[in-house]
Amino acid sequence: MCEAWLKAHKKYTWEVDLSRFRGSQNYEGYFNKTIQSPDVLEFENKFRIALNNNEYVVAGEVYYWKNYGNHQARNRVAISLLTYLKDFENWNGFIQAIERVSNNPTFENFITLQKACNQQRGFATLITFIAFYKPSEYPMVDKHIANWWRLNKDRFNYANSQEFSQRNDGWIQAITITQKRQNWNAYLAWKEFCTDYARRLARNCKFDWRARDVEMAVWEAFKNKISLSIIPSVS
């Protein structure tokens, strides 16, 4: 029952060399580490600490980390965010938006986060900030997760939940207000699944699972064609 979940989670691999960021030389003390799988928890903690210490550059590191596989855009989007958050009022608005949406995950609060990141068409990367802020409750999302959700949500008793709006290449798109609302509703169902399965796995599989851990296992399961088992609910 637990074997597939544990196998998928153990396979999680996402190695990012932050020093490859094109503007790394402009931020002394930042963009100077390689983030490997065992470093992810520390990286999440670094982001939360940065919110309290006014270290806006760490948000740029997270943004670059998330987009590392997008070689054409990763430098451009990170530079754009860093330029925007350098302004103290924008940085303060960013912090407030993350706190607000994580405490009250409404569609309106997500739109506020989009504006606070100056990313009115962004979706998956903005979710990363929420997931880093509260990883026990909020998972990340990307095209692999969206594909897995579309193919497996019925089997896991989420047949009535929405799918993510995806382009032909699988990327989640959030251009129109309809797409944004669809994605947010799909994400809330995905979040519910991850928090529920974190409880189930912690109870049945002897591991301290978080929503983020469930997401990481699903991410690897989709890429490696691992069929994940249905875990009994926690009574």
C-alpha atoms as a PDB file:
ATOM      1  CA  MET A   1       0.000   0.000   0.000  1.00  0.00           C
ATOM      2  CA  CYS A   2       2.747   2.456   0.947  1.00  0.00           C
ATOM      3  CA  GLU A   3       5.518   1.112  -1.258  1.00  0.00           C
ATOM      4  CA  ALA A   4       4.675   3.123  -4.376  1.00  0.00           C
ATOM      5  CA  TRP A   5       4.274   6.376  -2.444  1.00  0.00           C
ATOM      6  CA  LEU A   6       7.562   5.908  -0.599  1.00  0.00           C
ATOM      7  CA  LYS A   7       9.347   4.906  -3.807  1.00  0.00           C
ATOM      8  CA  ALA A   8       8.064   7.967  -5.662  1.00  0.00           C
ATOM      9  CA  HIS A   9       8.943  10.346  -2.831  1.00  0.00           C
ATOM     10  CA  LYS A  10      12.443   8.888  -2.542  1.00  0.00           C
ATOM     11  CA  LYS A  11      12.992   9.490  -6.252  1.00  0.00           C
ATOM     12  CA  TYR A  12      12.355  13.238  -5.960  1.00  0.00           C
ATOM     13  CA  THR A  13      15.189  15.024  -7.741  1.00  0.00           C
ATOM     14  CA  TRP A  14      15.410  18.714  -8.644  1.00  0.00           C
ATOM     15  CA  GLU A  15      18.928  20.124  -8.662  1.00  0.00           C
ATOM     16  CA  VAL A  16      19.344  23.832  -9.346  1.00  0.00           C
ATOM     17  CA  ASP A  17      22.606  25.773  -9.546  1.00  0.00           C
ATOM     18  CA  LEU A  18      21.553  29.272  -8.496  1.00  0.00           C
ATOM     19  CA  SER A  19      24.907  30.706  -9.580  1.00  0.00           C
ATOM     20  CA  ARG A  20      23.862  30.206 -13.199  1.00  0.00           C
ATOM     21  CA  PHE A  21      21.463  33.110 -12.800  1.00  0.00           C
ATOM     22  CA  ARG A  22      22.581  35.800 -15.242  1.00  0.00           C
ATOM     23  CA  GLY A  23      22.444  38.568 -12.631  1.00  0.00           C
ATOM     24  CA  SER A  24      24.026  36.627  -9.763  1.00  0.00           C
ATOM     25  CA  GLN A  25      27.041  38.975  -9.539  1.00  0.00           C
ATOM     26  CA  ASN A  26      24.709  41.833  -8.601  1.00  0.00           C
ATOM     27  CA  TYR A  27      23.511  40.138  -5.403  1.00  0.00           C
ATOM     28  CA  GLU A  28      26.394  39.427  -3.062  1.00  0.00           C
ATOM     29  CA  GLY A  29      25.610  36.595  -0.673  1.00  0.00           C
ATOM     30  CA  TYR A  30      22.774  35.279  -2.849  1.00  0.00           C
ATOM     31  CA  PHE A  31      22.519  33.088  -5.932  1.00  0.00           C
ATOM     32  CA  ASN A  32      25.647  31.246  -4.831  1.00  0.00           C
ATOM     33  CA  LYS A  33      24.443  27.735  -3.938  1.00  0.00           C
ATOM     34  CA  THR A  34      23.327  24.570  -5.641  1.00  0.00           C
ATOM     35  CA  ILE A  35      19.983  23.427  -4.287  1.00  0.00           C
ATOM     36  CA  GLN A  36      19.716  19.646  -4.302  1.00  0.00           C
ATOM     37  CA  SER A  37      16.836  17.493  -3.076  1.00  0.00           C
ATOM     38  CA  PRO A  38      18.070  17.285   0.563  1.00  0.00           C
ATOM     39  CA  ASP A  39      18.351  21.107   0.618  1.00  0.00           C
ATOM     40  CA  VAL A  40      14.715  21.842  -0.233  1.00  0.00           C
ATOM     41  CA  LEU A  41      13.494  22.028   3.378  1.00  0.00           C
ATOM     42  CA  GLU A  42      16.274  24.483   4.227  1.00  0.00           C
ATOM     43  CA  PHE A  43      15.438  26.504   1.110  1.00  0.00           C
ATOM     44  CA  GLU A  44      11.794  26.706   2.165  1.00  0.00           C
ATOM     45  CA  ASN A  45      12.879  27.877   5.623  1.00  0.00           C
ATOM     46  CA  LYS A  46      15.166  30.475   4.059  1.00  0.00           C
ATOM     47  CA  PHE A  47      12.222  31.950   2.189  1.00  0.00           C
ATOM     48  CA  ARG A  48      10.078  32.219   5.316  1.00  0.00           C
ATOM     49  CA  ILE A  49      12.909  33.868   7.238  1.00  0.00           C
ATOM     50  CA  ALA A  50      13.474  36.271   4.339  1.00  0.00           C
ATOM     51  CA  LEU A  51       9.902  37.530   4.638  1.00  0.00           C
ATOM     52  CA  ASN A  52      10.632  38.628   8.199  1.00  0.00           C
ATOM     53  CA  ASN A  53      14.071  40.045   7.395  1.00  0.00           C
ATOM     54  CA  ASN A  54      13.156  42.062   4.295  1.00  0.00           C
ATOM     55  CA  GLU A  55      15.422  39.951   2.081  1.00  0.00           C
ATOM     56  CA  TYR A  56      13.570  40.388  -1.180  1.00  0.00           C
ATOM     57  CA  VAL A  57      16.375  38.729  -3.158  1.00  0.00           C
ATOM     58  CA  VAL A  58      15.431  35.323  -1.729  1.00  0.00           C
ATOM     59  CA  ALA A  59      12.082  35.611  -3.521  1.00  0.00           C
ATOM     60  CA  GLY A  60      14.097  35.983  -6.728  1.00  0.00           C
ATOM     61  CA  GLU A  61      16.079  32.859  -5.860  1.00  0.00           C
ATOM     62  CA  VAL A  62      12.851  30.905  -5.372  1.00  0.00           C
ATOM     63  CA  TYR A  63      11.472  32.262  -8.632  1.00  0.00           C
ATOM     64  CA  TYR A  64      14.614  31.235 -10.512  1.00  0.00           C
ATOM     65  CA  TRP A  65      14.630  27.815  -8.798  1.00  0.00           C
ATOM     66  CA  LYS A  66      11.058  27.139  -9.845  1.00  0.00           C
ATOM     67  CA  ASN A  67      11.691  28.179 -13.468  1.00  0.00           C
ATOM     68  CA  TYR A  68      15.111  26.551 -13.795  1.00  0.00           C
ATOM     69  CA  GLY A  69      13.921  24.099 -16.434  1.00  0.00           C
ATOM     70  CA  ASN A  70      12.675  26.947 -18.624  1.00  0.00           C
ATOM     71  CA  HIS A  71      16.044  27.958 -20.063  1.00  0.00           C
ATOM     72  CA  GLN A  72      14.629  30.670 -22.300  1.00  0.00           C
ATOM     73  CA  ALA A  73      12.711  32.525 -19.603  1.00  0.00           C
ATOM     74  CA  ARG A  74      14.287  31.786 -16.213  1.00  0.00           C
ATOM     75  CA  ASN A  75      16.685  34.760 -16.210  1.00  0.00           C
ATOM     76  CA  ARG A  76      14.177  37.205 -17.607  1.00  0.00           C
ATOM     77  CA  VAL A  77      11.378  36.368 -15.152  1.00  0.00           C
ATOM     78  CA  ALA A  78      13.714  36.401 -12.145  1.00  0.00           C
ATOM     79  CA  ILE A  79      15.191  39.764 -13.116  1.00  0.00           C
ATOM     80  CA  SER A  80      11.700  41.160 -13.641  1.00  0.00           C
ATOM     81  CA  LEU A  81      10.547  40.062 -10.177  1.00  0.00           C
ATOM     82  CA  LEU A  82      13.703  41.287  -8.448  1.00  0.00           C
ATOM     83  CA  THR A  83      13.413  44.685 -10.119  1.00  0.00           C
ATOM     84  CA  TYR A  84       9.816  44.965  -8.952  1.00  0.00           C
ATOM     85  CA  LEU A  85      10.340  43.757  -5.377  1.00  0.00           C
ATOM     86  CA  LYS A  86      13.369  45.985  -4.846  1.00  0.00           C
ATOM     87  CA  ASP A  87      10.899  48.775  -4.143  1.00  0.00           C
ATOM     88  CA  PHE A  88      10.040  48.508  -0.422  1.00  0.00           C
ATOM     89  CA  GLU A  89       6.333  49.189  -0.908  1.00  0.00           C
ATOM     90  CA  ASN A  90       6.115  46.446  -3.514  1.00  0.00           C
ATOM     91  CA  TRP A  91       8.023  44.036  -1.262  1.00  0.00           C
ATOM     92  CA  ASN A  92       5.740  44.834   1.658  1.00  0.00           C
ATOM     93  CA  GLY A  93       2.692  44.284  -0.535  1.00  0.00           C
ATOM     94  CA  PHE A  94       4.162  40.938  -1.645  1.00  0.00           C
ATOM     95  CA  ILE A  95       4.545  39.792   1.968  1.00  0.00           C
ATOM     96  CA  GLN A  96       1.027  40.870   2.878  1.00  0.00           C
ATOM     97  CA  ALA A  97      -0.432  39.138  -0.187  1.00  0.00           C
ATOM     98  CA  ILE A  98       1.245  35.828   0.664  1.00  0.00           C
ATOM     99  CA  GLU A  99       0.048  35.994   4.259  1.00  0.00           C
ATOM    100  CA  ARG A 100      -3.476  36.895   3.175  1.00  0.00           C
ATOM    101  CA  VAL A 101      -3.954  34.177   0.575  1.00  0.00           C
ATOM    102  CA  SER A 102      -2.346  31.472   2.733  1.00  0.00           C
ATOM    103  CA  ASN A 103      -4.669  32.321   5.624  1.00  0.00           C
ATOM    104  CA  ASN A 104      -7.734  32.755   3.414  1.00  0.00           C
ATOM    105  CA  PRO A 105      -7.331  31.026   0.028  1.00  0.00           C
ATOM    106  CA  THR A 106      -9.996  32.859  -1.941  1.00  0.00           C
ATOM    107  CA  PHE A 107      -9.796  33.619  -5.639  1.00  0.00           C
ATOM    108  CA  GLU A 108      -9.762  37.336  -4.880  1.00  0.00           C
ATOM    109  CA  ASN A 109      -6.750  36.929  -2.608  1.00  0.00           C
ATOM    110  CA  PHE A 110      -4.927  34.967  -5.295  1.00  0.00           C
ATOM    111  CA  ILE A 111      -5.542  37.793  -7.765  1.00  0.00           C
ATOM    112  CA  THR A 112      -4.065  40.155  -5.176  1.00  0.00           C
ATOM    113  CA  LEU A 113      -0.950  37.959  -5.082  1.00  0.00           C
ATOM    114  CA  GLN A 114      -0.704  38.102  -8.869  1.00  0.00           C
ATOM    115  CA  LYS A 115      -0.734  41.876  -8.708  1.00  0.00           C
ATOM    116  CA  ALA A 116       1.749  41.892  -5.798  1.00  0.00           C
ATOM    117  CA  CYS A 117       4.186  39.916  -7.981  1.00  0.00           C
ATOM    118  CA  ASN A 118       3.495  42.083 -11.026  1.00  0.00           C
ATOM    119  CA  GLN A 119       2.630  38.819 -12.779  1.00  0.00           C
ATOM    120  CA  GLN A 120      -0.964  39.154 -13.971  1.00  0.00           C
ATOM    121  CA  ARG A 121      -0.650  36.029 -16.120  1.00  0.00           C
ATOM    122  CA  GLY A 122       1.388  33.976 -13.675  1.00  0.00           C
ATOM    123  CA  PHE A 123       0.021  30.958 -11.876  1.00  0.00           C
ATOM    124  CA  ALA A 124       2.226  27.964 -11.079  1.00  0.00           C
ATOM    125  CA  THR A 125       5.251  29.981  -9.980  1.00  0.00           C
ATOM    126  CA  LEU A 126       3.136  32.184  -7.721  1.00  0.00           C
ATOM    127  CA  ILE A 127       1.733  29.063  -6.076  1.00  0.00           C
ATOM    128  CA  THR A 128       5.339  28.189  -5.198  1.00  0.00           C
ATOM    129  CA  PHE A 129       5.520  31.171  -2.849  1.00  0.00           C
ATOM    130  CA  ILE A 130       2.430  29.983  -0.983  1.00  0.00           C
ATOM    131  CA  ALA A 131       3.800  26.416  -0.850  1.00  0.00           C
ATOM    132  CA  PHE A 132       7.136  27.611   0.542  1.00  0.00           C
ATOM    133  CA  TYR A 133       5.322  29.756   3.101  1.00  0.00           C
ATOM    134  CA  LYS A 134       3.060  26.944   4.372  1.00  0.00           C
ATOM    135  CA  PRO A 135       4.364  23.616   2.984  1.00  0.00           C
ATOM    136  CA  SER A 136       2.281  21.565   5.403  1.00  0.00           C
ATOM    137  CA  GLU A 137      -0.907  22.887   3.793  1.00  0.00           C
ATOM    138  CA  TYR A 138      -0.049  24.050   0.277  1.00  0.00           C
ATOM    139  CA  PRO A 139       1.500  21.958  -2.527  1.00  0.00           C
ATOM    140  CA  MET A 140       3.156  23.299  -5.641  1.00  0.00           C
ATOM    141  CA  VAL A 141       1.801  22.686  -9.138  1.00  0.00           C
ATOM    142  CA  ASP A 142       3.186  22.465 -12.674  1.00  0.00           C
ATOM    143  CA  LYS A 143       2.374  20.726 -15.944  1.00  0.00           C
ATOM    144  CA  HIS A 144       3.340  17.281 -14.573  1.00  0.00           C
ATOM    145  CA  ILE A 145       1.025  17.713 -11.616  1.00  0.00           C
ATOM    146  CA  ALA A 146      -1.731  19.066 -13.863  1.00  0.00           C
ATOM    147  CA  ASN A 147      -1.375  16.060 -16.171  1.00  0.00           C
ATOM    148  CA  TRP A 148      -1.448  13.601 -13.261  1.00  0.00           C
ATOM    149  CA  TRP A 149      -4.484  15.354 -11.770  1.00  0.00           C
ATOM    150  CA  ARG A 150      -6.381  15.173 -15.047  1.00  0.00           C
ATOM    151  CA  LEU A 151      -5.669  11.456 -15.417  1.00  0.00           C
ATOM    152  CA  ASN A 152      -6.100  10.370 -11.796  1.00  0.00           C
ATOM    153  CA  LYS A 153      -8.508  12.660  -9.970  1.00  0.00           C
ATOM    154  CA  ASP A 154     -11.517  10.425 -10.720  1.00  0.00           C
ATOM    155  CA  ARG A 155      -9.757   7.371  -9.275  1.00  0.00           C
ATOM    156  CA  PHE A 156      -9.004   9.284  -6.064  1.00  0.00           C
ATOM    157  CA  ASN A 157     -12.627  10.393  -5.647  1.00  0.00           C
ATOM    158  CA  TYR A 158     -12.270  13.914  -7.053  1.00  0.00           C
ATOM    159  CA  ALA A 159     -14.316  13.351 -10.202  1.00  0.00           C
ATOM    160  CA  ASN A 160     -16.315  16.546  -9.703  1.00  0.00           C
ATOM    161  CA  SER A 161     -13.225  18.721  -9.304  1.00  0.00           C
ATOM    162  CA  GLN A 162     -11.980  20.908 -12.121  1.00  0.00           C
ATOM    163  CA  GLU A 163      -8.913  20.274 -14.227  1.00  0.00           C
ATOM    164  CA  PHE A 164      -6.223  22.885 -14.778  1.00  0.00           C
ATOM    165  CA  SER A 165      -6.356  24.992 -17.931  1.00  0.00           C
ATOM    166  CA  GLN A 166      -3.383  23.797 -19.988  1.00  0.00           C
ATOM    167  CA  ARG A 167      -1.829  24.752 -23.291  1.00  0.00           C
ATOM    168  CA  ASN A 168      -1.111  22.104 -25.923  1.00  0.00           C
ATOM    169  CA  ASP A 169       2.382  21.681 -24.477  1.00  0.00           C
ATOM    170  CA  GLY A 170       0.970  21.052 -20.999  1.00  0.00           C
ATOM    171  CA  TRP A 171       1.903  24.375 -19.395  1.00  0.00           C
ATOM    172  CA  ILE A 172      -0.774  25.821 -17.143  1.00  0.00           C
ATOM    173  CA  GLN A 173      -2.168  28.975 -18.719  1.00  0.00           C
ATOM    174  CA  ALA A 174      -3.760  31.872 -16.849  1.00  0.00           C
ATOM    175  CA  ILE A 175      -4.429  34.602 -19.390  1.00  0.00           C
ATOM    176  CA  THR A 176      -8.170  35.148 -19.105  1.00  0.00           C
ATOM    177  CA  ILE A 177     -10.172  35.583 -15.907  1.00  0.00           C
ATOM    178  CA  THR A 178     -11.999  32.341 -16.757  1.00  0.00           C
ATOM    179  CA  GLN A 179      -8.722  30.426 -16.970  1.00  0.00           C
ATOM    180  CA  LYS A 180      -7.514  31.956 -13.732  1.00  0.00           C
ATOM    181  CA  ARG A 181     -10.688  30.997 -11.884  1.00  0.00           C
ATOM    182  CA  GLN A 182     -10.627  27.476 -13.333  1.00  0.00           C
ATOM    183  CA  ASN A 183      -7.014  27.029 -12.279  1.00  0.00           C
ATOM    184  CA  TRP A 184      -7.665  28.340  -8.787  1.00  0.00           C
ATOM    185  CA  ASN A 185     -10.628  26.001  -8.297  1.00  0.00           C
ATOM    186  CA  ALA A 186      -8.557  23.087  -9.601  1.00  0.00           C
ATOM    187  CA  TYR A 187      -5.729  24.073  -7.277  1.00  0.00           C
ATOM    188  CA  LEU A 188      -7.997  24.180  -4.217  1.00  0.00           C
ATOM    189  CA  ALA A 189      -9.121  20.618  -4.980  1.00  0.00           C
ATOM    190  CA  TRP A 190      -5.478  19.575  -5.512  1.00  0.00           C
ATOM    191  CA  LYS A 191      -4.580  21.227  -2.197  1.00  0.00           C
ATOM    192  CA  GLU A 192      -7.401  19.362  -0.444  1.00  0.00           C
ATOM    193  CA  PHE A 193      -6.187  16.080  -1.931  1.00  0.00           C
ATOM    194  CA  CYS A 194      -2.582  16.711  -0.819  1.00  0.00           C
ATOM    195  CA  THR A 195      -3.462  17.697   2.749  1.00  0.00           C
ATOM    196  CA  ASP A 196      -5.836  14.728   3.040  1.00  0.00           C
ATOM    197  CA  TYR A 197      -3.246  12.289   1.714  1.00  0.00           C
ATOM    198  CA  ALA A 198      -0.556  13.767   3.933  1.00  0.00           C
ATOM    199  CA  ARG A 199      -2.720  12.720   6.908  1.00  0.00           C
ATOM    200  CA  ARG A 200      -3.440   9.310   5.413  1.00  0.00           C
ATOM    201  CA  LEU A 201       0.200   8.619   4.614  1.00  0.00           C
ATOM    202  CA  ALA A 202       1.413   9.824   7.999  1.00  0.00           C
ATOM    203  CA  ARG A 203      -1.045   7.457   9.666  1.00  0.00           C
ATOM    204  CA  ASN A 204      -0.517   4.412   7.453  1.00  0.00           C
ATOM    205  CA  CYS A 205       3.016   4.764   6.109  1.00  0.00           C
ATOM    206  CA  LYS A 206       5.009   5.880   9.155  1.00  0.00           C
ATOM    207  CA  PHE A 207       6.373   9.083   7.689  1.00  0.00           C
ATOM    208  CA  ASP A 208       5.879  12.738   8.562  1.00  0.00           C
ATOM    209  CA  TRP A 209       4.186  13.775   5.323  1.00  0.00           C
ATOM    210  CA  ARG A 210       3.239  17.328   4.374  1.00  0.00           C
ATOM    211  CA  ALA A 211       1.188  18.556   1.439  1.00  0.00           C
ATOM    212  CA  ARG A 212       4.481  19.367  -0.292  1.00  0.00           C
ATOM    213  CA  ASP A 213       5.700  15.783   0.207  1.00  0.00           C
ATOM    214  CA  VAL A 214       2.558  14.373  -1.382  1.00  0.00           C
ATOM    215  CA  GLU A 215       3.076  16.733  -4.310  1.00  0.00           C
ATOM    216  CA  MET A 216       6.724  15.680  -4.720  1.00  0.00           C
ATOM    217  CA  ALA A 217       5.723  12.006  -4.760  1.00  0.00           C
ATOM    218  CA  VAL A 218       3.026  12.653  -7.364  1.00  0.00           C
ATOM    219  CA  TRP A 219       5.477  14.687  -9.461  1.00  0.00           C
ATOM    220  CA  GLU A 220       7.932  11.803  -9.618  1.00  0.00           C
ATOM    221  CA  ALA A 221       5.168   9.218  -9.990  1.00  0.00           C
ATOM    222  CA  PHE A 222       3.915  10.895 -13.146  1.00  0.00           C
ATOM    223  CA  LYS A 223       7.367  11.219 -14.679  1.00  0.00           C
ATOM    224  CA  ASN A 224       8.336   7.624 -13.823  1.00  0.00           C
ATOM    225  CA  LYS A 225       4.958   6.022 -14.549  1.00  0.00           C
ATOM    226  CA  ILE A 226       4.502   4.851 -10.958  1.00  0.00           C
ATOM    227  CA  SER A 227       0.929   3.927 -10.076  1.00  0.00           C
ATOM    228  CA  LEU A 228       0.106   5.365  -6.652  1.00  0.00           C
ATOM    229  CA  SER A 229      -2.139   3.392  -4.321  1.00  0.00           C
ATOM    230  CA  ILE A 230      -5.338   4.592  -2.710  1.00  0.00           C
ATOM    231  CA  ILE A 231      -4.598   4.955   1.016  1.00  0.00           C
ATOM    232  CA  PRO A 232      -7.378   4.348   3.581  1.00  0.00           C
ATOM    233  CA  SER A 233      -8.856   7.487   5.068  1.00  0.00           C
ATOM    234  CA  VAL A 234      -8.057   8.567   8.588  1.00  0.00           C
ATOM    235  CA  SER A 235     -11.075   8.072  10.833  1.00  0.00           C
END
